[in-house]
């Protein structure tokens, strides 16, 4: 994974934000750690908190589950170390503005790259990604395979697909206090390759999610950027 700009990502429960790798998976509780049930009162922000936590707790290896209680409280079943992170996250929500969930817009680009003289498309938003790829792989000729953009409400799923073009699925959630984006994404290039991953991005950040192929035959680079609106 290649990342750009210093970022904060979710720790403890992937939600107590501190500086770290934005593409790293969440820490996993030890298999023998006892789980406990905690209930947290968060007022009108219970639904949004559950949505963010649910995105963070994806995966069978993560010993944590969350539901919204009948009175809007957040109920978490998890080991104590994760409960600590949950409490920190919920405490930080106290100053977050309430209201309708914001929209998340993710832009996806698949680049094809092969060793060459460094030719590239003149797309300003992609320059940091191509610079970082060349810093690691050497001079590369880039072409755009396909692009897509998808807007979804924070906490909701969205899908865009075509018979021939790039297909994407996303489930994106906005952290209410600092507008960082946590998202599960699937990206497919018909007849070529597919990736599925979870990411954390700052508003306006650009990242290379993965690469498929070999230097000799050409490589597909999956680039994503996100914004909150």
C-alpha atoms as a PDB file:
ATOM      1  CA  UNK A   1       0.000   0.000   0.000  1.00  0.00           C
ATOM      2  CA  UNK A   2       1.179   3.543  -0.754  1.00  0.00           C
ATOM      3  CA  UNK A   3      -0.208   6.516   1.142  1.00  0.00           C
ATOM      4  CA  UNK A   4       0.122  10.264   0.857  1.00  0.00           C
ATOM      5  CA  UNK A   5      -0.064  13.089   3.381  1.00  0.00           C
ATOM      6  CA  UNK A   6       0.243  12.446   7.121  1.00  0.00           C
ATOM      7  CA  UNK A   7      -3.006  10.972   8.294  1.00  0.00           C
ATOM      8  CA  UNK A   8      -4.796   9.675  11.345  1.00  0.00           C
ATOM      9  CA  UNK A   9      -6.408   6.280  11.417  1.00  0.00           C
ATOM     10  CA  UNK A  10      -8.518   4.263  13.744  1.00  0.00           C
ATOM     11  CA  UNK A  11      -6.780   2.569  16.664  1.00  0.00           C
ATOM     12  CA  UNK A  12      -7.977   0.488  19.582  1.00  0.00           C
ATOM     13  CA  UNK A  13     -11.334   0.049  17.852  1.00  0.00           C
ATOM     14  CA  UNK A  14     -10.096   1.829  14.729  1.00  0.00           C
ATOM     15  CA  UNK A  15     -11.830   4.916  16.029  1.00  0.00           C
ATOM     16  CA  UNK A  16      -9.656   6.609  18.658  1.00  0.00           C
ATOM     17  CA  UNK A  17      -7.835   8.676  16.037  1.00  0.00           C
ATOM     18  CA  UNK A  18      -4.066   8.904  16.308  1.00  0.00           C
ATOM     19  CA  UNK A  19      -1.324   9.169  13.697  1.00  0.00           C
ATOM     20  CA  UNK A  20      -0.715   5.841  11.986  1.00  0.00           C
ATOM     21  CA  UNK A  21      -0.984   4.017   8.659  1.00  0.00           C
ATOM     22  CA  UNK A  22      -4.416   4.889   7.144  1.00  0.00           C
ATOM     23  CA  UNK A  23      -4.597   1.618   5.255  1.00  0.00           C
ATOM     24  CA  UNK A  24      -3.661  -0.712   8.094  1.00  0.00           C
ATOM     25  CA  UNK A  25      -6.266  -3.185   9.384  1.00  0.00           C
ATOM     26  CA  UNK A  26      -7.728  -2.610  12.823  1.00  0.00           C
ATOM     27  CA  UNK A  27      -6.014  -4.201  15.798  1.00  0.00           C
ATOM     28  CA  UNK A  28      -7.492  -7.562  16.731  1.00  0.00           C
ATOM     29  CA  UNK A  29      -8.250  -8.552  20.287  1.00  0.00           C
ATOM     30  CA  UNK A  30      -6.533 -11.658  21.617  1.00  0.00           C
ATOM     31  CA  UNK A  31      -8.582 -14.807  21.127  1.00  0.00           C
ATOM     32  CA  UNK A  32      -8.636 -15.526  24.876  1.00  0.00           C
ATOM     33  CA  UNK A  33      -9.576 -11.980  25.928  1.00  0.00           C
ATOM     34  CA  UNK A  34     -12.905 -12.056  27.813  1.00  0.00           C
ATOM     35  CA  UNK A  35     -15.671  -9.983  26.278  1.00  0.00           C
ATOM     36  CA  UNK A  36     -17.868  -7.669  28.306  1.00  0.00           C
ATOM     37  CA  UNK A  37     -21.039  -5.731  27.546  1.00  0.00           C
ATOM     38  CA  UNK A  38     -21.074  -1.963  27.918  1.00  0.00           C
ATOM     39  CA  UNK A  39     -23.896   0.502  27.252  1.00  0.00           C
ATOM     40  CA  UNK A  40     -23.087   4.119  26.320  1.00  0.00           C
ATOM     41  CA  UNK A  41     -25.541   7.015  26.266  1.00  0.00           C
ATOM     42  CA  UNK A  42     -24.751   9.336  23.343  1.00  0.00           C
ATOM     43  CA  UNK A  43     -27.998  11.237  22.882  1.00  0.00           C
ATOM     44  CA  UNK A  44     -29.122  11.873  19.320  1.00  0.00           C
ATOM     45  CA  UNK A  45     -25.876  10.556  17.808  1.00  0.00           C
ATOM     46  CA  UNK A  46     -26.485   6.901  18.634  1.00  0.00           C
ATOM     47  CA  UNK A  47     -27.330   5.842  15.091  1.00  0.00           C
ATOM     48  CA  UNK A  48     -24.292   7.541  13.581  1.00  0.00           C
ATOM     49  CA  UNK A  49     -22.002   6.115  16.268  1.00  0.00           C
ATOM     50  CA  UNK A  50     -23.310   2.583  15.635  1.00  0.00           C
ATOM     51  CA  UNK A  51     -22.747   3.032  11.883  1.00  0.00           C
ATOM     52  CA  UNK A  52     -19.116   4.084  12.357  1.00  0.00           C
ATOM     53  CA  UNK A  53     -18.404   1.344  14.878  1.00  0.00           C
ATOM     54  CA  UNK A  54     -20.053  -1.306  12.692  1.00  0.00           C
ATOM     55  CA  UNK A  55     -17.713  -0.361   9.837  1.00  0.00           C
ATOM     56  CA  UNK A  56     -14.725  -0.674  12.174  1.00  0.00           C
ATOM     57  CA  UNK A  57     -15.810  -4.048  13.553  1.00  0.00           C
ATOM     58  CA  UNK A  58     -16.030  -5.827  10.181  1.00  0.00           C
ATOM     59  CA  UNK A  59     -14.376  -9.261  10.105  1.00  0.00           C
ATOM     60  CA  UNK A  60     -14.757 -12.452  12.065  1.00  0.00           C
ATOM     61  CA  UNK A  61     -11.325 -11.964  13.660  1.00  0.00           C
ATOM     62  CA  UNK A  62     -12.480  -8.822  15.467  1.00  0.00           C
ATOM     63  CA  UNK A  63     -14.094  -9.756  18.777  1.00  0.00           C
ATOM     64  CA  UNK A  64     -16.506  -6.830  18.887  1.00  0.00           C
ATOM     65  CA  UNK A  65     -20.161  -6.265  18.031  1.00  0.00           C
ATOM     66  CA  UNK A  66     -22.326  -3.168  18.342  1.00  0.00           C
ATOM     67  CA  UNK A  67     -26.068  -2.425  18.238  1.00  0.00           C
ATOM     68  CA  UNK A  68     -28.269   0.561  18.967  1.00  0.00           C
ATOM     69  CA  UNK A  69     -30.402   0.151  22.068  1.00  0.00           C
ATOM     70  CA  UNK A  70     -34.131   0.917  22.292  1.00  0.00           C
ATOM     71  CA  UNK A  71     -33.481   4.379  23.724  1.00  0.00           C
ATOM     72  CA  UNK A  72     -30.677   5.288  21.304  1.00  0.00           C
ATOM     73  CA  UNK A  73     -27.832   4.082  23.501  1.00  0.00           C
ATOM     74  CA  UNK A  74     -24.820   2.317  21.966  1.00  0.00           C
ATOM     75  CA  UNK A  75     -24.401  -1.264  23.202  1.00  0.00           C
ATOM     76  CA  UNK A  76     -20.991  -2.849  22.611  1.00  0.00           C
ATOM     77  CA  UNK A  77     -19.878  -6.417  23.330  1.00  0.00           C
ATOM     78  CA  UNK A  78     -16.073  -6.517  23.178  1.00  0.00           C
ATOM     79  CA  UNK A  79     -12.915  -7.045  25.265  1.00  0.00           C
ATOM     80  CA  UNK A  80     -11.912  -4.312  27.690  1.00  0.00           C
ATOM     81  CA  UNK A  81      -9.134  -2.911  25.491  1.00  0.00           C
ATOM     82  CA  UNK A  82     -11.593  -2.319  22.662  1.00  0.00           C
ATOM     83  CA  UNK A  83     -14.145  -0.898  25.100  1.00  0.00           C
ATOM     84  CA  UNK A  84     -11.537   1.681  26.092  1.00  0.00           C
ATOM     85  CA  UNK A  85     -11.192   2.796  22.488  1.00  0.00           C
ATOM     86  CA  UNK A  86     -14.966   2.860  22.071  1.00  0.00           C
ATOM     87  CA  UNK A  87     -15.345   5.146  25.091  1.00  0.00           C
ATOM     88  CA  UNK A  88     -12.654   7.501  23.769  1.00  0.00           C
ATOM     89  CA  UNK A  89     -14.377   7.652  20.398  1.00  0.00           C
ATOM     90  CA  UNK A  90     -17.804   8.307  21.918  1.00  0.00           C
ATOM     91  CA  UNK A  91     -16.402  10.947  24.260  1.00  0.00           C
ATOM     92  CA  UNK A  92     -14.925  12.735  21.246  1.00  0.00           C
ATOM     93  CA  UNK A  93     -18.330  12.795  19.598  1.00  0.00           C
ATOM     94  CA  UNK A  94     -19.596  15.152  22.274  1.00  0.00           C
ATOM     95  CA  UNK A  95     -18.596  18.298  20.383  1.00  0.00           C
ATOM     96  CA  UNK A  96     -19.540  16.973  16.947  1.00  0.00           C
ATOM     97  CA  UNK A  97     -22.426  18.751  15.210  1.00  0.00           C
ATOM     98  CA  UNK A  98     -25.648  16.791  14.989  1.00  0.00           C
ATOM     99  CA  UNK A  99     -28.014  16.636  12.043  1.00  0.00           C
ATOM    100  CA  UNK A 100     -28.391  14.604   8.869  1.00  0.00           C
ATOM    101  CA  UNK A 101     -25.433  12.343   7.965  1.00  0.00           C
ATOM    102  CA  UNK A 102     -23.083  13.962   5.426  1.00  0.00           C
ATOM    103  CA  UNK A 103     -22.438  12.627   1.944  1.00  0.00           C
ATOM    104  CA  UNK A 104     -19.189  10.923   1.008  1.00  0.00           C
ATOM    105  CA  UNK A 105     -17.786  11.163  -2.515  1.00  0.00           C
ATOM    106  CA  UNK A 106     -15.060   8.708  -3.525  1.00  0.00           C
ATOM    107  CA  UNK A 107     -13.227   8.995  -6.836  1.00  0.00           C
ATOM    108  CA  UNK A 108     -11.681   5.832  -8.277  1.00  0.00           C
ATOM    109  CA  UNK A 109      -9.028   5.623 -10.989  1.00  0.00           C
ATOM    110  CA  UNK A 110      -7.339   2.529 -12.381  1.00  0.00           C
ATOM    111  CA  UNK A 111      -3.950   3.315 -13.905  1.00  0.00           C
ATOM    112  CA  UNK A 112      -1.951   1.006 -16.131  1.00  0.00           C
ATOM    113  CA  UNK A 113       1.780   1.368 -15.646  1.00  0.00           C
ATOM    114  CA  UNK A 114       4.798  -0.173 -17.361  1.00  0.00           C
ATOM    115  CA  UNK A 115       8.545   0.632 -17.355  1.00  0.00           C
ATOM    116  CA  UNK A 116       9.215   3.549 -19.688  1.00  0.00           C
ATOM    117  CA  UNK A 117      10.180   7.197 -19.985  1.00  0.00           C
ATOM    118  CA  UNK A 118       7.740   8.595 -17.455  1.00  0.00           C
ATOM    119  CA  UNK A 119       4.871   9.627 -19.717  1.00  0.00           C
ATOM    120  CA  UNK A 120       1.674  10.259 -17.795  1.00  0.00           C
ATOM    121  CA  UNK A 121      -1.811  11.715 -18.188  1.00  0.00           C
ATOM    122  CA  UNK A 122      -2.079  15.395 -17.273  1.00  0.00           C
ATOM    123  CA  UNK A 123      -4.485  14.963 -14.383  1.00  0.00           C
ATOM    124  CA  UNK A 124      -3.421  17.069 -11.414  1.00  0.00           C
ATOM    125  CA  UNK A 125      -5.267  14.969  -8.823  1.00  0.00           C
ATOM    126  CA  UNK A 126      -3.303  11.865  -9.848  1.00  0.00           C
ATOM    127  CA  UNK A 127       0.173  13.440  -9.779  1.00  0.00           C
ATOM    128  CA  UNK A 128       0.924  12.561  -6.112  1.00  0.00           C
ATOM    129  CA  UNK A 129      -0.039   8.932  -6.767  1.00  0.00           C
ATOM    130  CA  UNK A 130       2.120   8.654  -9.875  1.00  0.00           C
ATOM    131  CA  UNK A 131       5.041  10.384  -8.143  1.00  0.00           C
ATOM    132  CA  UNK A 132       4.882   7.881  -5.270  1.00  0.00           C
ATOM    133  CA  UNK A 133       4.659   4.895  -7.614  1.00  0.00           C
ATOM    134  CA  UNK A 134       7.691   6.068  -9.597  1.00  0.00           C
ATOM    135  CA  UNK A 135       9.658   6.700  -6.400  1.00  0.00           C
ATOM    136  CA  UNK A 136       9.352   2.991  -5.673  1.00  0.00           C
ATOM    137  CA  UNK A 137       9.161   1.400  -9.134  1.00  0.00           C
ATOM    138  CA  UNK A 138      11.284   3.751 -11.245  1.00  0.00           C
ATOM    139  CA  UNK A 139      10.295   5.582 -14.429  1.00  0.00           C
ATOM    140  CA  UNK A 140       6.853   4.424 -15.507  1.00  0.00           C
ATOM    141  CA  UNK A 141       4.583   5.145 -18.456  1.00  0.00           C
ATOM    142  CA  UNK A 142       1.041   5.605 -17.183  1.00  0.00           C
ATOM    143  CA  UNK A 143      -2.312   5.451 -18.932  1.00  0.00           C
ATOM    144  CA  UNK A 144      -5.800   5.706 -17.450  1.00  0.00           C
ATOM    145  CA  UNK A 145      -7.718   2.432 -17.751  1.00  0.00           C
ATOM    146  CA  UNK A 146     -10.988   3.735 -16.325  1.00  0.00           C
ATOM    147  CA  UNK A 147     -12.466   6.088 -13.734  1.00  0.00           C
ATOM    148  CA  UNK A 148     -15.566   6.223 -11.577  1.00  0.00           C
ATOM    149  CA  UNK A 149     -17.032   8.450  -8.871  1.00  0.00           C
ATOM    150  CA  UNK A 150     -19.679   7.436  -6.380  1.00  0.00           C
ATOM    151  CA  UNK A 151     -21.550   9.462  -3.757  1.00  0.00           C
ATOM    152  CA  UNK A 152     -23.262   7.842  -0.787  1.00  0.00           C
ATOM    153  CA  UNK A 153     -24.684   9.034   2.504  1.00  0.00           C
ATOM    154  CA  UNK A 154     -22.462   8.319   5.486  1.00  0.00           C
ATOM    155  CA  UNK A 155     -23.219   4.820   6.740  1.00  0.00           C
ATOM    156  CA  UNK A 156     -24.960   3.620   3.555  1.00  0.00           C
ATOM    157  CA  UNK A 157     -23.973   1.257   0.757  1.00  0.00           C
ATOM    158  CA  UNK A 158     -23.673   2.425  -2.841  1.00  0.00           C
ATOM    159  CA  UNK A 159     -22.904   0.571  -6.050  1.00  0.00           C
ATOM    160  CA  UNK A 160     -22.025   1.553  -9.594  1.00  0.00           C
ATOM    161  CA  UNK A 161     -21.580  -1.023 -12.339  1.00  0.00           C
ATOM    162  CA  UNK A 162     -21.545  -1.226 -16.102  1.00  0.00           C
ATOM    163  CA  UNK A 163     -21.383  -3.933 -18.711  1.00  0.00           C
ATOM    164  CA  UNK A 164     -17.882  -2.907 -19.782  1.00  0.00           C
ATOM    165  CA  UNK A 165     -16.603  -0.157 -17.514  1.00  0.00           C
ATOM    166  CA  UNK A 166     -15.242   0.054 -13.997  1.00  0.00           C
ATOM    167  CA  UNK A 167     -17.551  -1.274 -11.270  1.00  0.00           C
ATOM    168  CA  UNK A 168     -17.335  -0.151  -7.646  1.00  0.00           C
ATOM    169  CA  UNK A 169     -19.146  -0.850  -4.367  1.00  0.00           C
ATOM    170  CA  UNK A 170     -18.600   1.293  -1.309  1.00  0.00           C
ATOM    171  CA  UNK A 171     -19.778   1.527   2.259  1.00  0.00           C
ATOM    172  CA  UNK A 172     -18.375   4.785   3.588  1.00  0.00           C
ATOM    173  CA  UNK A 173     -18.759   6.412   6.974  1.00  0.00           C
ATOM    174  CA  UNK A 174     -17.630   9.846   8.121  1.00  0.00           C
ATOM    175  CA  UNK A 175     -16.129  10.264  11.584  1.00  0.00           C
ATOM    176  CA  UNK A 176     -18.288  13.027  13.088  1.00  0.00           C
ATOM    177  CA  UNK A 177     -15.530  14.988  14.833  1.00  0.00           C
ATOM    178  CA  UNK A 178     -12.818  15.366  12.189  1.00  0.00           C
ATOM    179  CA  UNK A 179     -14.522  14.335   8.911  1.00  0.00           C
ATOM    180  CA  UNK A 180     -12.148  11.455   8.213  1.00  0.00           C
ATOM    181  CA  UNK A 181     -13.602   8.711   5.984  1.00  0.00           C
ATOM    182  CA  UNK A 182     -13.686   4.989   6.737  1.00  0.00           C
ATOM    183  CA  UNK A 183     -14.813   2.861   3.810  1.00  0.00           C
ATOM    184  CA  UNK A 184     -15.086  -0.705   2.563  1.00  0.00           C
ATOM    185  CA  UNK A 185     -14.615  -0.755  -1.201  1.00  0.00           C
ATOM    186  CA  UNK A 186     -14.703  -3.272  -4.031  1.00  0.00           C
ATOM    187  CA  UNK A 187     -13.280  -2.279  -7.406  1.00  0.00           C
ATOM    188  CA  UNK A 188     -13.546  -4.431 -10.526  1.00  0.00           C
ATOM    189  CA  UNK A 189     -12.117  -4.025 -14.007  1.00  0.00           C
ATOM    190  CA  UNK A 190     -14.051  -6.440 -16.284  1.00  0.00           C
ATOM    191  CA  UNK A 191     -11.742  -9.047 -17.756  1.00  0.00           C
ATOM    192  CA  UNK A 192      -8.736  -7.830 -15.759  1.00  0.00           C
ATOM    193  CA  UNK A 193      -8.648  -7.692 -11.984  1.00  0.00           C
ATOM    194  CA  UNK A 194     -10.544  -6.943  -8.780  1.00  0.00           C
ATOM    195  CA  UNK A 195      -9.616  -5.744  -5.321  1.00  0.00           C
ATOM    196  CA  UNK A 196     -11.549  -5.523  -2.076  1.00  0.00           C
ATOM    197  CA  UNK A 197     -10.216  -3.622   0.919  1.00  0.00           C
ATOM    198  CA  UNK A 198     -10.980  -1.271   3.781  1.00  0.00           C
ATOM    199  CA  UNK A 199      -9.453   2.193   3.916  1.00  0.00           C
ATOM    200  CA  UNK A 200      -9.268   5.296   6.102  1.00  0.00           C
ATOM    201  CA  UNK A 201      -8.757   8.651   4.397  1.00  0.00           C
ATOM    202  CA  UNK A 202      -8.678  12.275   5.379  1.00  0.00           C
ATOM    203  CA  UNK A 203     -10.965  14.607   3.449  1.00  0.00           C
ATOM    204  CA  UNK A 204      -9.098  15.301   0.180  1.00  0.00           C
ATOM    205  CA  UNK A 205      -6.440  12.610   0.666  1.00  0.00           C
ATOM    206  CA  UNK A 206      -5.286  10.421  -2.252  1.00  0.00           C
ATOM    207  CA  UNK A 207      -4.045   6.837  -1.829  1.00  0.00           C
ATOM    208  CA  UNK A 208      -3.000   3.865  -3.925  1.00  0.00           C
ATOM    209  CA  UNK A 209      -5.025   0.939  -2.607  1.00  0.00           C
ATOM    210  CA  UNK A 210      -3.210  -1.845  -4.412  1.00  0.00           C
ATOM    211  CA  UNK A 211      -1.499  -3.034  -7.556  1.00  0.00           C
ATOM    212  CA  UNK A 212      -2.111  -6.069  -9.731  1.00  0.00           C
ATOM    213  CA  UNK A 213       0.243  -7.393 -12.411  1.00  0.00           C
ATOM    214  CA  UNK A 214       3.964  -7.476 -13.092  1.00  0.00           C
ATOM    215  CA  UNK A 215       6.447  -4.882 -14.214  1.00  0.00           C
ATOM    216  CA  UNK A 216       7.139  -6.815 -17.411  1.00  0.00           C
ATOM    217  CA  UNK A 217       3.527  -7.154 -18.524  1.00  0.00           C
ATOM    218  CA  UNK A 218       2.170  -3.940 -17.032  1.00  0.00           C
ATOM    219  CA  UNK A 219       0.575  -3.246 -13.684  1.00  0.00           C
ATOM    220  CA  UNK A 220      -2.841  -1.943 -12.692  1.00  0.00           C
ATOM    221  CA  UNK A 221      -2.731   0.606  -9.877  1.00  0.00           C
ATOM    222  CA  UNK A 222      -5.941   1.339  -7.975  1.00  0.00           C
ATOM    223  CA  UNK A 223      -6.096   4.974  -6.848  1.00  0.00           C
ATOM    224  CA  UNK A 224      -8.818   6.486  -4.647  1.00  0.00           C
ATOM    225  CA  UNK A 225      -9.505   9.918  -3.215  1.00  0.00           C
ATOM    226  CA  UNK A 226     -12.297  10.999  -0.918  1.00  0.00           C
ATOM    227  CA  UNK A 227     -14.185  14.117   0.079  1.00  0.00           C
ATOM    228  CA  UNK A 228     -17.006  14.936   2.474  1.00  0.00           C
ATOM    229  CA  UNK A 229     -19.817  17.199   1.385  1.00  0.00           C
END
